[in-house]
C-alpha atoms as a PDB file:
ATOM      1  CA  MET A   1     100.403  25.422 205.081  1.00  0.00           C
ATOM      2  CA  ASN A   2      97.803  22.924 206.233  1.00  0.00           C
ATOM      3  CA  GLY A   3      99.273  19.787 204.706  1.00  0.00           C
ATOM      4  CA  ARG A   4      99.805  16.381 206.184  1.00  0.00           C
ATOM      5  CA  PRO A   5     103.261  14.803 206.719  1.00  0.00           C
ATOM      6  CA  ASN A   6     104.616  13.174 203.567  1.00  0.00           C
ATOM      7  CA  SER A   7     105.730  10.163 205.586  1.00  0.00           C
ATOM      8  CA  ASP A   8     102.060   9.115 205.810  1.00  0.00           C
ATOM      9  CA  VAL A   9     101.989   8.282 202.103  1.00  0.00           C
ATOM     10  CA  LEU A  10     105.597   7.589 201.084  1.00  0.00           C
ATOM     11  CA  ARG A  11     106.537   3.918 201.171  1.00  0.00           C
ATOM     12  CA  PRO A  12     109.623   1.962 200.177  1.00  0.00           C
ATOM     13  CA  TRP A  13     108.952  -0.111 197.085  1.00  0.00           C
ATOM     14  CA  LEU A  14     110.396  -3.611 197.177  1.00  0.00           C
ATOM     15  CA  ASN A  15     110.475  -6.401 194.678  1.00  0.00           C
ATOM     16  CA  ALA A  16     112.127  -9.799 194.835  1.00  0.00           C
ATOM     17  CA  MET A  17     115.526  -8.421 193.841  1.00  0.00           C
ATOM     18  CA  ASP A  18     115.414  -5.933 196.723  1.00  0.00           C
ATOM     19  CA  LEU A  19     114.743  -8.770 199.143  1.00  0.00           C
ATOM     20  CA  VAL A  20     117.407 -11.196 197.971  1.00  0.00           C
ATOM     21  CA  ARG A  21     120.079  -8.712 196.966  1.00  0.00           C
ATOM     22  CA  HIS A  22     120.471  -5.043 197.704  1.00  0.00           C
ATOM     23  CA  ALA A  23     117.511  -2.724 198.171  1.00  0.00           C
ATOM     24  CA  SER A  24     117.082  -0.230 195.330  1.00  0.00           C
ATOM     25  CA  ASP A  25     116.011   2.650 197.596  1.00  0.00           C
ATOM     26  CA  THR A  26     112.921   3.221 195.459  1.00  0.00           C
ATOM     27  CA  TRP A  27     109.866   4.905 196.949  1.00  0.00           C
ATOM     28  CA  VAL A  28     106.214   5.129 195.909  1.00  0.00           C
ATOM     29  CA  ILE A  29     103.388   7.466 196.766  1.00  0.00           C
ATOM     30  CA  ASP A  30     100.634   5.376 198.310  1.00  0.00           C
ATOM     31  CA  PHE A  31      97.409   7.237 199.011  1.00  0.00           C
ATOM     32  CA  SER A  32      95.843   3.861 199.869  1.00  0.00           C
ATOM     33  CA  GLU A  33      92.059   4.296 200.185  1.00  0.00           C
ATOM     34  CA  LYS A  34      92.171   8.068 200.599  1.00  0.00           C
ATOM     35  CA  ALA A  35      89.603  10.206 198.849  1.00  0.00           C
ATOM     36  CA  LEU A  36      90.924  12.912 196.556  1.00  0.00           C
ATOM     37  CA  GLU A  37      90.107  15.587 199.143  1.00  0.00           C
ATOM     38  CA  GLU A  38      92.294  13.830 201.704  1.00  0.00           C
ATOM     39  CA  ALA A  39      95.108  13.029 199.254  1.00  0.00           C
ATOM     40  CA  ILE A  40      95.390  16.728 198.382  1.00  0.00           C
ATOM     41  CA  GLN A  41      96.460  17.395 201.986  1.00  0.00           C
ATOM     42  CA  TYR A  42      99.795  15.680 201.224  1.00  0.00           C
ATOM     43  CA  GLU A  43     100.980  18.649 199.232  1.00  0.00           C
ATOM     44  CA  ALA A  44     104.318  17.638 197.688  1.00  0.00           C
ATOM     45  CA  PRO A  45     103.418  13.997 196.954  1.00  0.00           C
ATOM     46  CA  PHE A  46     100.063  15.046 195.513  1.00  0.00           C
ATOM     47  CA  GLN A  47     101.662  17.688 193.303  1.00  0.00           C
ATOM     48  CA  TYR A  48     104.171  15.125 192.032  1.00  0.00           C
ATOM     49  CA  ALA A  49     101.344  12.664 191.289  1.00  0.00           C
ATOM     50  CA  ARG A  50      99.305  15.361 189.574  1.00  0.00           C
ATOM     51  CA  ASP A  51     102.271  16.334 187.383  1.00  0.00           C
ATOM     52  CA  LYS A  52     103.546  12.832 186.551  1.00  0.00           C
ATOM     53  CA  VAL A  53     100.671  10.374 187.008  1.00  0.00           C
ATOM     54  CA  LEU A  54      97.524  12.276 186.016  1.00  0.00           C
ATOM     55  CA  PRO A  55      98.571  12.948 182.388  1.00  0.00           C
ATOM     56  CA  ILE A  56      99.139   9.223 181.830  1.00  0.00           C
ATOM     57  CA  ARG A  57      96.084   8.025 183.735  1.00  0.00           C
ATOM     58  CA  ALA A  58      93.804  10.544 181.994  1.00  0.00           C
ATOM     59  CA  ARG A  59      94.338   8.608 178.741  1.00  0.00           C
ATOM     60  CA  ASP A  60      93.820   5.129 180.248  1.00  0.00           C
ATOM     61  CA  ARG A  61      91.008   2.966 178.849  1.00  0.00           C
ATOM     62  CA  ALA A  62      89.882   1.833 182.318  1.00  0.00           C
ATOM     63  CA  LYS A  63      87.281   4.174 183.781  1.00  0.00           C
ATOM     64  CA  ARG A  64      88.378   3.550 187.392  1.00  0.00           C
ATOM     65  CA  THR A  65      91.983   4.362 186.511  1.00  0.00           C
ATOM     66  CA  ARG A  66      90.956   7.632 184.882  1.00  0.00           C
ATOM     67  CA  GLU A  67      88.578   8.634 187.682  1.00  0.00           C
ATOM     68  CA  LYS A  68      90.784   7.589 190.635  1.00  0.00           C
ATOM     69  CA  TRP A  69      94.112   8.446 189.064  1.00  0.00           C
ATOM     70  CA  TRP A  70      95.876   9.163 192.403  1.00  0.00           C
ATOM     71  CA  LEU A  71      95.321   5.582 193.669  1.00  0.00           C
ATOM     72  CA  PHE A  72      97.173   2.423 192.736  1.00  0.00           C
ATOM     73  CA  GLU A  73      95.504   0.827 189.751  1.00  0.00           C
ATOM     74  CA  ARG A  74      95.510  -2.546 191.502  1.00  0.00           C
ATOM     75  CA  ASP A  75      95.480  -1.733 195.193  1.00  0.00           C
ATOM     76  CA  ARG A  76      94.951  -5.234 196.685  1.00  0.00           C
ATOM     77  CA  LEU A  77      92.845  -3.856 199.536  1.00  0.00           C
ATOM     78  CA  ALA A  78      91.919  -7.299 200.919  1.00  0.00           C
ATOM     79  CA  PHE A  79      95.624  -8.158 201.234  1.00  0.00           C
ATOM     80  CA  ARG A  80      96.402  -4.779 202.807  1.00  0.00           C
ATOM     81  CA  HIS A  81      93.704  -5.281 205.435  1.00  0.00           C
ATOM     82  CA  LYS A  82      95.164  -8.689 206.347  1.00  0.00           C
ATOM     83  CA  LEU A  83      98.580  -7.068 206.866  1.00  0.00           C
ATOM     84  CA  LYS A  84      97.255  -4.439 209.302  1.00  0.00           C
ATOM     85  CA  GLY A  85      98.882  -4.781 212.685  1.00  0.00           C
ATOM     86  CA  LEU A  86     101.690  -7.044 211.481  1.00  0.00           C
ATOM     87  CA  THR A  87     105.227  -5.859 212.046  1.00  0.00           C
ATOM     88  CA  ARG A  88     106.948  -8.502 209.943  1.00  0.00           C
ATOM     89  CA  LEU A  89     106.205 -11.253 207.434  1.00  0.00           C
ATOM     90  CA  TRP A  90     107.713 -14.544 206.422  1.00  0.00           C
ATOM     91  CA  LEU A  91     108.870 -14.185 202.848  1.00  0.00           C
ATOM     92  CA  PRO A  92     109.527 -17.430 200.994  1.00  0.00           C
ATOM     93  CA  ARG A  93     112.270 -17.535 198.431  1.00  0.00           C
ATOM     94  CA  LEU A  94     111.576 -20.510 196.220  1.00  0.00           C
ATOM     95  CA  TRP A  95     114.383 -20.314 193.751  1.00  0.00           C
ATOM     96  CA  PRO A  96     117.107 -21.630 193.544  1.00  0.00           C
ATOM     97  CA  SER A  97     116.293 -23.281 196.865  1.00  0.00           C
ATOM     98  CA  THR A  98     113.542 -22.792 199.376  1.00  0.00           C
ATOM     99  CA  GLU A  99     114.550 -20.313 202.040  1.00  0.00           C
ATOM    100  CA  PHE A 100     112.680 -17.900 204.255  1.00  0.00           C
ATOM    101  CA  SER A 101     113.522 -14.426 205.407  1.00  0.00           C
ATOM    102  CA  PHE A 102     111.780 -11.705 207.359  1.00  0.00           C
ATOM    103  CA  GLY A 103     110.259  -8.714 205.681  1.00  0.00           C
ATOM    104  CA  TRP A 104     109.336  -5.743 207.818  1.00  0.00           C
ATOM    105  CA  THR A 105     106.145  -3.802 207.399  1.00  0.00           C
ATOM    106  CA  ASN A 106     105.641  -0.212 208.400  1.00  0.00           C
ATOM    107  CA  GLU A 107     102.560  -1.113 210.431  1.00  0.00           C
ATOM    108  CA  SER A 108     102.763  -1.219 214.202  1.00  0.00           C
END
C-alpha cells in the first residue's frame, strides 16, 4: 500500500446552521488543487469519489466538471489562498442580530 493519509483530504463541512446551532458532523473529500495522479494516492477517498461522484460528473454539461470530476466544481482557489496560514476566522452572524464568533481552520 503506497497511499497517502486520508486526513490530508477529509475536511469537516460546515454551513451556517453548523455554526449557530449544532455541528452536523458531515465530512467532504477535498482534493483541492491536486492532479488526478496525486488524488489517486488517497486510496479510500478516491475510490469513494470514483464510485459516487464520477458517474454524476461524467454526465455534466460543463466540460471542466466532466474532465476534473474529482475536484470541487467551484473551488474558490483565491479565497483558499487567502486563508492559508490562518488558524481562526471571524464569522459574522447577521441575523437576527449582528454577532461574531470564531471559526477554526485546519491550517496551521
